[in-house]
Amino acid sequence: MRAAQQQSEPQRLLFVFADVELPAESTPEQRARFQAGEGGALIPLMSVDKKPEELDTFAGLVEESRQFGRDWAIVFVAGLSGRGGRARRARKPTSRCST
């Protein structure tokens, strides 16, 4: 978030929250690894984009994500740069990502 705030052009941060699940066609070896905390497939759950100034801390983002009622295992973040001093338009949060 700090890096986005330090850019010369306004930024939007896109967050994609994902969970890990075991595919139905997994092998016994894959299931054992998954039970041990390894492997699995990433499943996108929700996404949101925000201006850096809309976020105080990562902990605040985590708390806000709980409003969607889904636990997640990992979050991917991308910074989208604006142009000419204008930030890109916001998108509404989604509770299920398109794949």
PDB file of N, CA and C in Angstrom:
ATOM      1  N   MET A   1       0.820  -1.175   0.000  1.00  0.00           N
ATOM      2  CA  MET A   1       0.000   0.000   0.000  1.00  0.00           C
ATOM      3  C   MET A   1       0.878   1.258   0.000  1.00  0.00           C
ATOM      4  N   ARG A   2       1.955   1.193   0.737  1.00  0.00           N
ATOM      5  CA  ARG A   2       2.866   2.343   0.758  1.00  0.00           C
ATOM      6  C   ARG A   2       3.476   2.598  -0.613  1.00  0.00           C
ATOM      7  N   ALA A   3       3.856   1.532  -1.298  1.00  0.00           N
ATOM      8  CA  ALA A   3       4.455   1.682  -2.626  1.00  0.00           C
ATOM      9  C   ALA A   3       3.463   2.348  -3.583  1.00  0.00           C
ATOM     10  N   ALA A   4       2.199   1.971  -3.514  1.00  0.00           N
ATOM     11  CA  ALA A   4       1.187   2.578  -4.382  1.00  0.00           C
ATOM     12  C   ALA A   4       1.019   4.060  -4.067  1.00  0.00           C
ATOM     13  N   GLN A   5       1.092   4.411  -2.804  1.00  0.00           N
ATOM     14  CA  GLN A   5       0.937   5.809  -2.396  1.00  0.00           C
ATOM     15  C   GLN A   5       2.125   6.664  -2.841  1.00  0.00           C
ATOM     16  N   GLN A   6       3.253   6.053  -3.106  1.00  0.00           N
ATOM     17  CA  GLN A   6       4.456   6.795  -3.473  1.00  0.00           C
ATOM     18  C   GLN A   6       4.607   6.995  -4.980  1.00  0.00           C
ATOM     19  N   GLN A   7       3.687   6.462  -5.779  1.00  0.00           N
ATOM     20  CA  GLN A   7       3.781   6.583  -7.236  1.00  0.00           C
ATOM     21  C   GLN A   7       3.411   7.989  -7.700  1.00  0.00           C
ATOM     22  N   SER A   8       3.946   8.407  -8.839  1.00  0.00           N
ATOM     23  CA  SER A   8       3.672   9.744  -9.364  1.00  0.00           C
ATOM     24  C   SER A   8       2.247   9.871  -9.910  1.00  0.00           C
ATOM     25  N   GLU A   9       1.671   8.783 -10.401  1.00  0.00           N
ATOM     26  CA  GLU A   9       0.285   8.785 -10.887  1.00  0.00           C
ATOM     27  C   GLU A   9      -0.604   8.113  -9.851  1.00  0.00           C
ATOM     28  N   PRO A  10      -1.867   8.528  -9.740  1.00  0.00           N
ATOM     29  CA  PRO A  10      -2.789   7.881  -8.798  1.00  0.00           C
ATOM     30  C   PRO A  10      -2.921   6.391  -9.118  1.00  0.00           C
ATOM     31  N   GLN A  11      -3.097   5.605  -8.107  1.00  0.00           N
ATOM     32  CA  GLN A  11      -3.165   4.150  -8.259  1.00  0.00           C
ATOM     33  C   GLN A  11      -4.512   3.613  -7.785  1.00  0.00           C
ATOM     34  N   ARG A  12      -4.863   2.451  -8.305  1.00  0.00           N
ATOM     35  CA  ARG A  12      -5.936   1.626  -7.740  1.00  0.00           C
ATOM     36  C   ARG A  12      -5.287   0.289  -7.454  1.00  0.00           C
ATOM     37  N   LEU A  13      -5.669  -0.307  -6.363  1.00  0.00           N
ATOM     38  CA  LEU A  13      -5.156  -1.621  -5.996  1.00  0.00           C
ATOM     39  C   LEU A  13      -6.254  -2.650  -6.199  1.00  0.00           C
ATOM     40  N   LEU A  14      -5.957  -3.675  -6.967  1.00  0.00           N
ATOM     41  CA  LEU A  14      -6.906  -4.756  -7.205  1.00  0.00           C
ATOM     42  C   LEU A  14      -6.492  -5.938  -6.335  1.00  0.00           C
ATOM     43  N   PHE A  15      -7.408  -6.388  -5.498  1.00  0.00           N
ATOM     44  CA  PHE A  15      -7.177  -7.522  -4.601  1.00  0.00           C
ATOM     45  C   PHE A  15      -8.053  -8.687  -5.043  1.00  0.00           C
ATOM     46  N   VAL A  16      -7.461  -9.851  -5.221  1.00  0.00           N
ATOM     47  CA  VAL A  16      -8.208 -11.074  -5.522  1.00  0.00           C
ATOM     48  C   VAL A  16      -7.921 -12.047  -4.391  1.00  0.00           C
ATOM     49  N   PHE A  17      -8.973 -12.405  -3.665  1.00  0.00           N
ATOM     50  CA  PHE A  17      -8.870 -13.321  -2.533  1.00  0.00           C
ATOM     51  C   PHE A  17      -9.184 -14.730  -3.016  1.00  0.00           C
ATOM     52  N   ALA A  18      -8.357 -15.685  -2.626  1.00  0.00           N
ATOM     53  CA  ALA A  18      -8.529 -17.067  -3.097  1.00  0.00           C
ATOM     54  C   ALA A  18      -8.400 -18.044  -1.926  1.00  0.00           C
ATOM     55  N   ASP A  19      -8.988 -19.186  -2.113  1.00  0.00           N
ATOM     56  CA  ASP A  19      -8.864 -20.283  -1.157  1.00  0.00           C
ATOM     57  C   ASP A  19      -8.194 -21.453  -1.868  1.00  0.00           C
ATOM     58  N   VAL A  20      -7.876 -22.467  -1.127  1.00  0.00           N
ATOM     59  CA  VAL A  20      -7.250 -23.669  -1.681  1.00  0.00           C
ATOM     60  C   VAL A  20      -8.196 -24.833  -1.445  1.00  0.00           C
ATOM     61  N   GLU A  21      -8.417 -25.614  -2.494  1.00  0.00           N
ATOM     62  CA  GLU A  21      -9.244 -26.808  -2.322  1.00  0.00           C
ATOM     63  C   GLU A  21      -8.627 -27.961  -3.097  1.00  0.00           C
ATOM     64  N   LEU A  22      -9.070 -29.120  -2.750  1.00  0.00           N
ATOM     65  CA  LEU A  22      -8.582 -30.331  -3.391  1.00  0.00           C
ATOM     66  C   LEU A  22      -9.519 -30.703  -4.527  1.00  0.00           C
ATOM     67  N   PRO A  23      -9.019 -30.791  -5.760  1.00  0.00           N
ATOM     68  CA  PRO A  23      -9.882 -31.165  -6.884  1.00  0.00           C
ATOM     69  C   PRO A  23     -10.469 -32.566  -6.700  1.00  0.00           C
ATOM     70  N   ALA A  24     -11.658 -32.768  -7.211  1.00  0.00           N
ATOM     71  CA  ALA A  24     -12.356 -34.052  -7.072  1.00  0.00           C
ATOM     72  C   ALA A  24     -11.565 -35.206  -7.675  1.00  0.00           C
ATOM     73  N   GLU A  25     -10.800 -34.945  -8.740  1.00  0.00           N
ATOM     74  CA  GLU A  25     -10.064 -36.014  -9.428  1.00  0.00           C
ATOM     75  C   GLU A  25      -8.667 -36.245  -8.841  1.00  0.00           C
ATOM     76  N   SER A  26      -8.444 -35.785  -7.624  1.00  0.00           N
ATOM     77  CA  SER A  26      -7.115 -35.933  -7.017  1.00  0.00           C
ATOM     78  C   SER A  26      -6.796 -37.392  -6.698  1.00  0.00           C
ATOM     79  N   THR A  27      -5.514 -37.684  -6.685  1.00  0.00           N
ATOM     80  CA  THR A  27      -5.038 -39.029  -6.372  1.00  0.00           C
ATOM     81  C   THR A  27      -4.901 -39.177  -4.858  1.00  0.00           C
ATOM     82  N   PRO A  28      -4.794 -40.411  -4.357  1.00  0.00           N
ATOM     83  CA  PRO A  28      -4.574 -40.602  -2.921  1.00  0.00           C
ATOM     84  C   PRO A  28      -3.315 -39.878  -2.430  1.00  0.00           C
ATOM     85  N   GLU A  29      -2.257 -39.869  -3.246  1.00  0.00           N
ATOM     86  CA  GLU A  29      -1.024 -39.172  -2.873  1.00  0.00           C
ATOM     87  C   GLU A  29      -1.271 -37.662  -2.755  1.00  0.00           C
ATOM     88  N   GLN A  30      -2.042 -37.103  -3.695  1.00  0.00           N
ATOM     89  CA  GLN A  30      -2.362 -35.670  -3.641  1.00  0.00           C
ATOM     90  C   GLN A  30      -3.225 -35.352  -2.426  1.00  0.00           C
ATOM     91  N   ARG A  31      -4.156 -36.238  -2.098  1.00  0.00           N
ATOM     92  CA  ARG A  31      -4.999 -36.016  -0.922  1.00  0.00           C
ATOM     93  C   ARG A  31      -4.167 -36.024   0.348  1.00  0.00           C
ATOM     94  N   ALA A  32      -3.203 -36.916   0.430  1.00  0.00           N
ATOM     95  CA  ALA A  32      -2.331 -36.981   1.612  1.00  0.00           C
ATOM     96  C   ALA A  32      -1.504 -35.703   1.732  1.00  0.00           C
ATOM     97  N   ARG A  33      -0.963 -35.233   0.613  1.00  0.00           N
ATOM     98  CA  ARG A  33      -0.194 -33.981   0.637  1.00  0.00           C
ATOM     99  C   ARG A  33      -1.075 -32.808   1.043  1.00  0.00           C
ATOM    100  N   PHE A  34      -2.310 -32.787   0.547  1.00  0.00           N
ATOM    101  CA  PHE A  34      -3.231 -31.700   0.873  1.00  0.00           C
ATOM    102  C   PHE A  34      -3.535 -31.709   2.374  1.00  0.00           C
ATOM    103  N   GLN A  35      -3.749 -32.892   2.923  1.00  0.00           N
ATOM    104  CA  GLN A  35      -4.015 -33.001   4.361  1.00  0.00           C
ATOM    105  C   GLN A  35      -2.823 -32.520   5.184  1.00  0.00           C
ATOM    106  N   ALA A  36      -1.630 -32.613   4.602  1.00  0.00           N
ATOM    107  CA  ALA A  36      -0.410 -32.157   5.280  1.00  0.00           C
ATOM    108  C   ALA A  36      -0.152 -30.666   5.035  1.00  0.00           C
ATOM    109  N   GLY A  37      -1.077 -29.999   4.329  1.00  0.00           N
ATOM    110  CA  GLY A  37      -0.934 -28.567   4.096  1.00  0.00           C
ATOM    111  C   GLY A  37      -0.189 -28.194   2.829  1.00  0.00           C
ATOM    112  N   GLU A  38      -0.047 -29.127   1.906  1.00  0.00           N
ATOM    113  CA  GLU A  38       0.654 -28.867   0.649  1.00  0.00           C
ATOM    114  C   GLU A  38      -0.272 -29.121  -0.528  1.00  0.00           C
ATOM    115  N   GLY A  39       0.007 -28.452  -1.641  1.00  0.00           N
ATOM    116  CA  GLY A  39      -0.726 -28.706  -2.876  1.00  0.00           C
ATOM    117  C   GLY A  39      -2.134 -28.142  -2.851  1.00  0.00           C
ATOM    118  N   GLY A  40      -2.964 -28.632  -3.753  1.00  0.00           N
ATOM    119  CA  GLY A  40      -4.325 -28.149  -3.908  1.00  0.00           C
ATOM    120  C   GLY A  40      -4.423 -27.184  -5.076  1.00  0.00           C
ATOM    121  N   ALA A  41      -5.614 -26.713  -5.318  1.00  0.00           N
ATOM    122  CA  ALA A  41      -5.879 -25.777  -6.413  1.00  0.00           C
ATOM    123  C   ALA A  41      -6.399 -24.467  -5.830  1.00  0.00           C
ATOM    124  N   LEU A  42      -5.901 -23.342  -6.367  1.00  0.00           N
ATOM    125  CA  LEU A  42      -6.375 -22.031  -5.924  1.00  0.00           C
ATOM    126  C   LEU A  42      -7.727 -21.736  -6.571  1.00  0.00           C
ATOM    127  N   ILE A  43      -8.672 -21.316  -5.744  1.00  0.00           N
ATOM    128  CA  ILE A  43     -10.013 -21.007  -6.195  1.00  0.00           C
ATOM    129  C   ILE A  43     -10.307 -19.545  -5.870  1.00  0.00           C
ATOM    130  N   PRO A  44     -10.481 -18.682  -6.892  1.00  0.00           N
ATOM    131  CA  PRO A  44     -10.790 -17.282  -6.598  1.00  0.00           C
ATOM    132  C   PRO A  44     -12.161 -17.167  -5.935  1.00  0.00           C
ATOM    133  N   LEU A  45     -12.238 -16.369  -4.882  1.00  0.00           N
ATOM    134  CA  LEU A  45     -13.477 -16.208  -4.131  1.00  0.00           C
ATOM    135  C   LEU A  45     -14.118 -14.839  -4.318  1.00  0.00           C
ATOM    136  N   MET A  46     -13.310 -13.805  -4.244  1.00  0.00           N
ATOM    137  CA  MET A  46     -13.846 -12.451  -4.315  1.00  0.00           C
ATOM    138  C   MET A  46     -12.748 -11.501  -4.752  1.00  0.00           C
ATOM    139  N   SER A  47     -13.174 -10.355  -5.270  1.00  0.00           N
ATOM    140  CA  SER A  47     -12.208  -9.336  -5.655  1.00  0.00           C
ATOM    141  C   SER A  47     -12.750  -7.972  -5.266  1.00  0.00           C
ATOM    142  N   VAL A  48     -11.833  -7.046  -5.081  1.00  0.00           N
ATOM    143  CA  VAL A  48     -12.205  -5.671  -4.767  1.00  0.00           C
ATOM    144  C   VAL A  48     -11.084  -4.769  -5.252  1.00  0.00           C
ATOM    145  N   ASP A  49     -11.454  -3.566  -5.691  1.00  0.00           N
ATOM    146  CA  ASP A  49     -10.391  -2.614  -5.975  1.00  0.00           C
ATOM    147  C   ASP A  49     -10.604  -1.368  -5.135  1.00  0.00           C
ATOM    148  N   LYS A  50      -9.489  -0.782  -4.740  1.00  0.00           N
ATOM    149  CA  LYS A  50      -9.503   0.350  -3.811  1.00  0.00           C
ATOM    150  C   LYS A  50      -8.395   1.328  -4.174  1.00  0.00           C
ATOM    151  N   LYS A  51      -8.616   2.581  -3.818  1.00  0.00           N
ATOM    152  CA  LYS A  51      -7.535   3.555  -3.853  1.00  0.00           C
ATOM    153  C   LYS A  51      -6.674   3.299  -2.630  1.00  0.00           C
ATOM    154  N   PRO A  52      -5.385   3.496  -2.719  1.00  0.00           N
ATOM    155  CA  PRO A  52      -4.524   3.264  -1.552  1.00  0.00           C
ATOM    156  C   PRO A  52      -4.971   4.047  -0.319  1.00  0.00           C
ATOM    157  N   GLU A  53      -5.482   5.249  -0.510  1.00  0.00           N
ATOM    158  CA  GLU A  53      -5.902   6.041   0.640  1.00  0.00           C
ATOM    159  C   GLU A  53      -7.185   5.523   1.292  1.00  0.00           C
ATOM    160  N   GLU A  54      -7.870   4.575   0.649  1.00  0.00           N
ATOM    161  CA  GLU A  54      -9.055   3.956   1.245  1.00  0.00           C
ATOM    162  C   GLU A  54      -8.686   2.848   2.224  1.00  0.00           C
ATOM    163  N   LEU A  55      -7.410   2.533   2.320  1.00  0.00           N
ATOM    164  CA  LEU A  55      -6.939   1.464   3.203  1.00  0.00           C
ATOM    165  C   LEU A  55      -5.976   2.042   4.227  1.00  0.00           C
ATOM    166  N   ASP A  56      -6.221   1.757   5.476  1.00  0.00           N
ATOM    167  CA  ASP A  56      -5.295   2.199   6.521  1.00  0.00           C
ATOM    168  C   ASP A  56      -4.141   1.218   6.669  1.00  0.00           C
ATOM    169  N   THR A  57      -4.495  -0.055   6.800  1.00  0.00           N
ATOM    170  CA  THR A  57      -3.508  -1.107   7.042  1.00  0.00           C
ATOM    171  C   THR A  57      -3.965  -2.392   6.367  1.00  0.00           C
ATOM    172  N   PHE A  58      -3.049  -3.339   6.262  1.00  0.00           N
ATOM    173  CA  PHE A  58      -3.429  -4.652   5.744  1.00  0.00           C
ATOM    174  C   PHE A  58      -4.420  -5.312   6.699  1.00  0.00           C
ATOM    175  N   ALA A  59      -4.231  -5.113   7.999  1.00  0.00           N
ATOM    176  CA  ALA A  59      -5.165  -5.679   8.984  1.00  0.00           C
ATOM    177  C   ALA A  59      -6.584  -5.152   8.747  1.00  0.00           C
ATOM    178  N   GLY A  60      -6.694  -3.871   8.361  1.00  0.00           N
ATOM    179  CA  GLY A  60      -8.001  -3.310   8.047  1.00  0.00           C
ATOM    180  C   GLY A  60      -8.626  -3.971   6.828  1.00  0.00           C
ATOM    181  N   LEU A  61      -7.803  -4.279   5.832  1.00  0.00           N
ATOM    182  CA  LEU A  61      -8.290  -4.980   4.646  1.00  0.00           C
ATOM    183  C   LEU A  61      -8.786  -6.380   5.021  1.00  0.00           C
ATOM    184  N   VAL A  62      -8.041  -7.064   5.859  1.00  0.00           N
ATOM    185  CA  VAL A  62      -8.441  -8.403   6.315  1.00  0.00           C
ATOM    186  C   VAL A  62      -9.793  -8.324   7.018  1.00  0.00           C
ATOM    187  N   GLU A  63      -9.940  -7.351   7.896  1.00  0.00           N
ATOM    188  CA  GLU A  63     -11.200  -7.188   8.622  1.00  0.00           C
ATOM    189  C   GLU A  63     -12.350  -6.911   7.655  1.00  0.00           C
ATOM    190  N   GLU A  64     -12.116  -6.032   6.687  1.00  0.00           N
ATOM    191  CA  GLU A  64     -13.152  -5.725   5.701  1.00  0.00           C
ATOM    192  C   GLU A  64     -13.518  -6.955   4.879  1.00  0.00           C
ATOM    193  N   SER A  65     -12.543  -7.794   4.558  1.00  0.00           N
ATOM    194  CA  SER A  65     -12.815  -8.992   3.752  1.00  0.00           C
ATOM    195  C   SER A  65     -13.749  -9.960   4.475  1.00  0.00           C
ATOM    196  N   ARG A  66     -13.782  -9.888   5.780  1.00  0.00           N
ATOM    197  CA  ARG A  66     -14.653 -10.794   6.559  1.00  0.00           C
ATOM    198  C   ARG A  66     -16.130 -10.498   6.343  1.00  0.00           C
ATOM    199  N   GLN A  67     -16.451  -9.318   5.820  1.00  0.00           N
ATOM    200  CA  GLN A  67     -17.843  -8.964   5.534  1.00  0.00           C
ATOM    201  C   GLN A  67     -18.454  -9.891   4.495  1.00  0.00           C
ATOM    202  N   PHE A  68     -17.615 -10.496   3.666  1.00  0.00           N
ATOM    203  CA  PHE A  68     -18.107 -11.391   2.622  1.00  0.00           C
ATOM    204  C   PHE A  68     -18.398 -12.792   3.142  1.00  0.00           C
ATOM    205  N   GLY A  69     -17.994 -13.072   4.381  1.00  0.00           N
ATOM    206  CA  GLY A  69     -18.335 -14.344   5.002  1.00  0.00           C
ATOM    207  C   GLY A  69     -17.600 -15.557   4.481  1.00  0.00           C
ATOM    208  N   ARG A  70     -16.474 -15.352   3.806  1.00  0.00           N
ATOM    209  CA  ARG A  70     -15.700 -16.484   3.289  1.00  0.00           C
ATOM    210  C   ARG A  70     -14.282 -16.404   3.822  1.00  0.00           C
ATOM    211  N   ASP A  71     -13.763 -17.524   4.280  1.00  0.00           N
ATOM    212  CA  ASP A  71     -12.356 -17.591   4.653  1.00  0.00           C
ATOM    213  C   ASP A  71     -11.527 -17.715   3.386  1.00  0.00           C
ATOM    214  N   TRP A  72     -10.364 -17.132   3.380  1.00  0.00           N
ATOM    215  CA  TRP A  72      -9.476 -17.201   2.229  1.00  0.00           C
ATOM    216  C   TRP A  72      -8.074 -17.560   2.714  1.00  0.00           C
ATOM    217  N   ALA A  73      -7.276 -18.082   1.794  1.00  0.00           N
ATOM    218  CA  ALA A  73      -5.929 -18.546   2.141  1.00  0.00           C
ATOM    219  C   ALA A  73      -4.840 -17.620   1.623  1.00  0.00           C
ATOM    220  N   ILE A  74      -5.122 -16.910   0.544  1.00  0.00           N
ATOM    221  CA  ILE A  74      -4.102 -16.071  -0.090  1.00  0.00           C
ATOM    222  C   ILE A  74      -4.800 -14.903  -0.788  1.00  0.00           C
ATOM    223  N   VAL A  75      -4.097 -13.789  -0.875  1.00  0.00           N
ATOM    224  CA  VAL A  75      -4.613 -12.637  -1.615  1.00  0.00           C
ATOM    225  C   VAL A  75      -3.556 -12.199  -2.621  1.00  0.00           C
ATOM    226  N   PHE A  76      -3.995 -11.946  -3.856  1.00  0.00           N
ATOM    227  CA  PHE A  76      -3.125 -11.436  -4.899  1.00  0.00           C
ATOM    228  C   PHE A  76      -3.428  -9.944  -5.051  1.00  0.00           C
ATOM    229  N   VAL A  77      -2.390  -9.153  -5.246  1.00  0.00           N
ATOM    230  CA  VAL A  77      -2.561  -7.701  -5.338  1.00  0.00           C
ATOM    231  C   VAL A  77      -1.877  -7.190  -6.603  1.00  0.00           C
ATOM    232  N   ALA A  78      -2.578  -6.328  -7.325  1.00  0.00           N
ATOM    233  CA  ALA A  78      -2.001  -5.669  -8.492  1.00  0.00           C
ATOM    234  C   ALA A  78      -2.261  -4.178  -8.375  1.00  0.00           C
ATOM    235  N   GLY A  79      -1.283  -3.384  -8.767  1.00  0.00           N
ATOM    236  CA  GLY A  79      -1.446  -1.943  -8.801  1.00  0.00           C
ATOM    237  C   GLY A  79      -1.760  -1.496 -10.211  1.00  0.00           C
ATOM    238  N   LEU A  80      -2.829  -0.705 -10.367  1.00  0.00           N
ATOM    239  CA  LEU A  80      -3.233  -0.194 -11.670  1.00  0.00           C
ATOM    240  C   LEU A  80      -3.003   1.306 -11.682  1.00  0.00           C
ATOM    241  N   SER A  81      -2.109   1.747 -12.526  1.00  0.00           N
ATOM    242  CA  SER A  81      -1.730   3.156 -12.575  1.00  0.00           C
ATOM    243  C   SER A  81      -2.745   3.973 -13.354  1.00  0.00           C
ATOM    244  N   GLY A  82      -3.022   5.172 -12.839  1.00  0.00           N
ATOM    245  CA  GLY A  82      -3.867   6.110 -13.560  1.00  0.00           C
ATOM    246  C   GLY A  82      -3.053   6.854 -14.598  1.00  0.00           C
ATOM    247  N   ARG A  83      -3.703   7.822 -15.245  1.00  0.00           N
ATOM    248  CA  ARG A  83      -3.010   8.635 -16.258  1.00  0.00           C
ATOM    249  C   ARG A  83      -3.440  10.081 -16.110  1.00  0.00           C
ATOM    250  N   GLY A  84      -2.507  10.978 -16.370  1.00  0.00           N
ATOM    251  CA  GLY A  84      -2.826  12.391 -16.349  1.00  0.00           C
ATOM    252  C   GLY A  84      -3.346  12.875 -15.007  1.00  0.00           C
ATOM    253  N   GLY A  85      -2.875  12.259 -13.943  1.00  0.00           N
ATOM    254  CA  GLY A  85      -3.305  12.665 -12.608  1.00  0.00           C
ATOM    255  C   GLY A  85      -4.659  12.134 -12.182  1.00  0.00           C
ATOM    256  N   ARG A  86      -5.240  11.225 -12.975  1.00  0.00           N
ATOM    257  CA  ARG A  86      -6.560  10.664 -12.641  1.00  0.00           C
ATOM    258  C   ARG A  86      -6.443   9.160 -12.427  1.00  0.00           C
ATOM    259  N   ALA A  87      -7.039   8.708 -11.355  1.00  0.00           N
ATOM    260  CA  ALA A  87      -7.052   7.271 -11.052  1.00  0.00           C
ATOM    261  C   ALA A  87      -8.050   6.564 -11.968  1.00  0.00           C
ATOM    262  N   ARG A  88      -7.839   5.293 -12.174  1.00  0.00           N
ATOM    263  CA  ARG A  88      -8.808   4.494 -12.934  1.00  0.00           C
ATOM    264  C   ARG A  88     -10.119   4.433 -12.159  1.00  0.00           C
ATOM    265  N   ARG A  89     -11.192   4.141 -12.866  1.00  0.00           N
ATOM    266  CA  ARG A  89     -12.506   4.021 -12.232  1.00  0.00           C
ATOM    267  C   ARG A  89     -12.572   2.802 -11.329  1.00  0.00           C
ATOM    268  N   ALA A  90     -13.372   2.929 -10.295  1.00  0.00           N
ATOM    269  CA  ALA A  90     -13.575   1.817  -9.355  1.00  0.00           C
ATOM    270  C   ALA A  90     -14.530   0.795  -9.933  1.00  0.00           C
ATOM    271  N   ARG A  91     -14.352  -0.427  -9.486  1.00  0.00           N
ATOM    272  CA  ARG A  91     -15.298  -1.502  -9.790  1.00  0.00           C
ATOM    273  C   ARG A  91     -15.913  -1.952  -8.491  1.00  0.00           C
ATOM    274  N   LYS A  92     -17.140  -2.415  -8.560  1.00  0.00           N
ATOM    275  CA  LYS A  92     -17.796  -2.898  -7.352  1.00  0.00           C
ATOM    276  C   LYS A  92     -17.176  -4.216  -6.920  1.00  0.00           C
ATOM    277  N   PRO A  93     -17.112  -4.469  -5.590  1.00  0.00           N
ATOM    278  CA  PRO A  93     -16.577  -5.759  -5.118  1.00  0.00           C
ATOM    279  C   PRO A  93     -17.468  -6.898  -5.606  1.00  0.00           C
ATOM    280  N   THR A  94     -16.849  -8.020  -5.851  1.00  0.00           N
ATOM    281  CA  THR A  94     -17.610  -9.210  -6.226  1.00  0.00           C
ATOM    282  C   THR A  94     -17.339 -10.295  -5.215  1.00  0.00           C
ATOM    283  N   SER A  95     -18.362 -11.098  -4.946  1.00  0.00           N
ATOM    284  CA  SER A  95     -18.172 -12.179  -3.994  1.00  0.00           C
ATOM    285  C   SER A  95     -17.811 -13.481  -4.684  1.00  0.00           C
ATOM    286  N   ARG A  96     -17.856 -13.492  -5.997  1.00  0.00           N
ATOM    287  CA  ARG A  96     -17.422 -14.667  -6.740  1.00  0.00           C
ATOM    288  C   ARG A  96     -16.716 -14.171  -7.989  1.00  0.00           C
ATOM    289  N   CYS A  97     -15.502 -14.581  -8.192  1.00  0.00           N
ATOM    290  CA  CYS A  97     -14.731 -14.135  -9.343  1.00  0.00           C
ATOM    291  C   CYS A  97     -15.136 -14.923 -10.572  1.00  0.00           C
ATOM    292  N   SER A  98     -15.082 -14.284 -11.716  1.00  0.00           N
ATOM    293  CA  SER A  98     -15.296 -14.980 -12.980  1.00  0.00           C
ATOM    294  C   SER A  98     -14.018 -15.702 -13.338  1.00  0.00           C
ATOM    295  N   THR A  99     -14.131 -16.906 -13.817  1.00  0.00           N
ATOM    296  CA  THR A  99     -12.941 -17.664 -14.207  1.00  0.00           C
ATOM    297  C   THR A  99     -12.982 -17.978 -15.669  1.00  0.00           C
TER     298      THR A  99
END
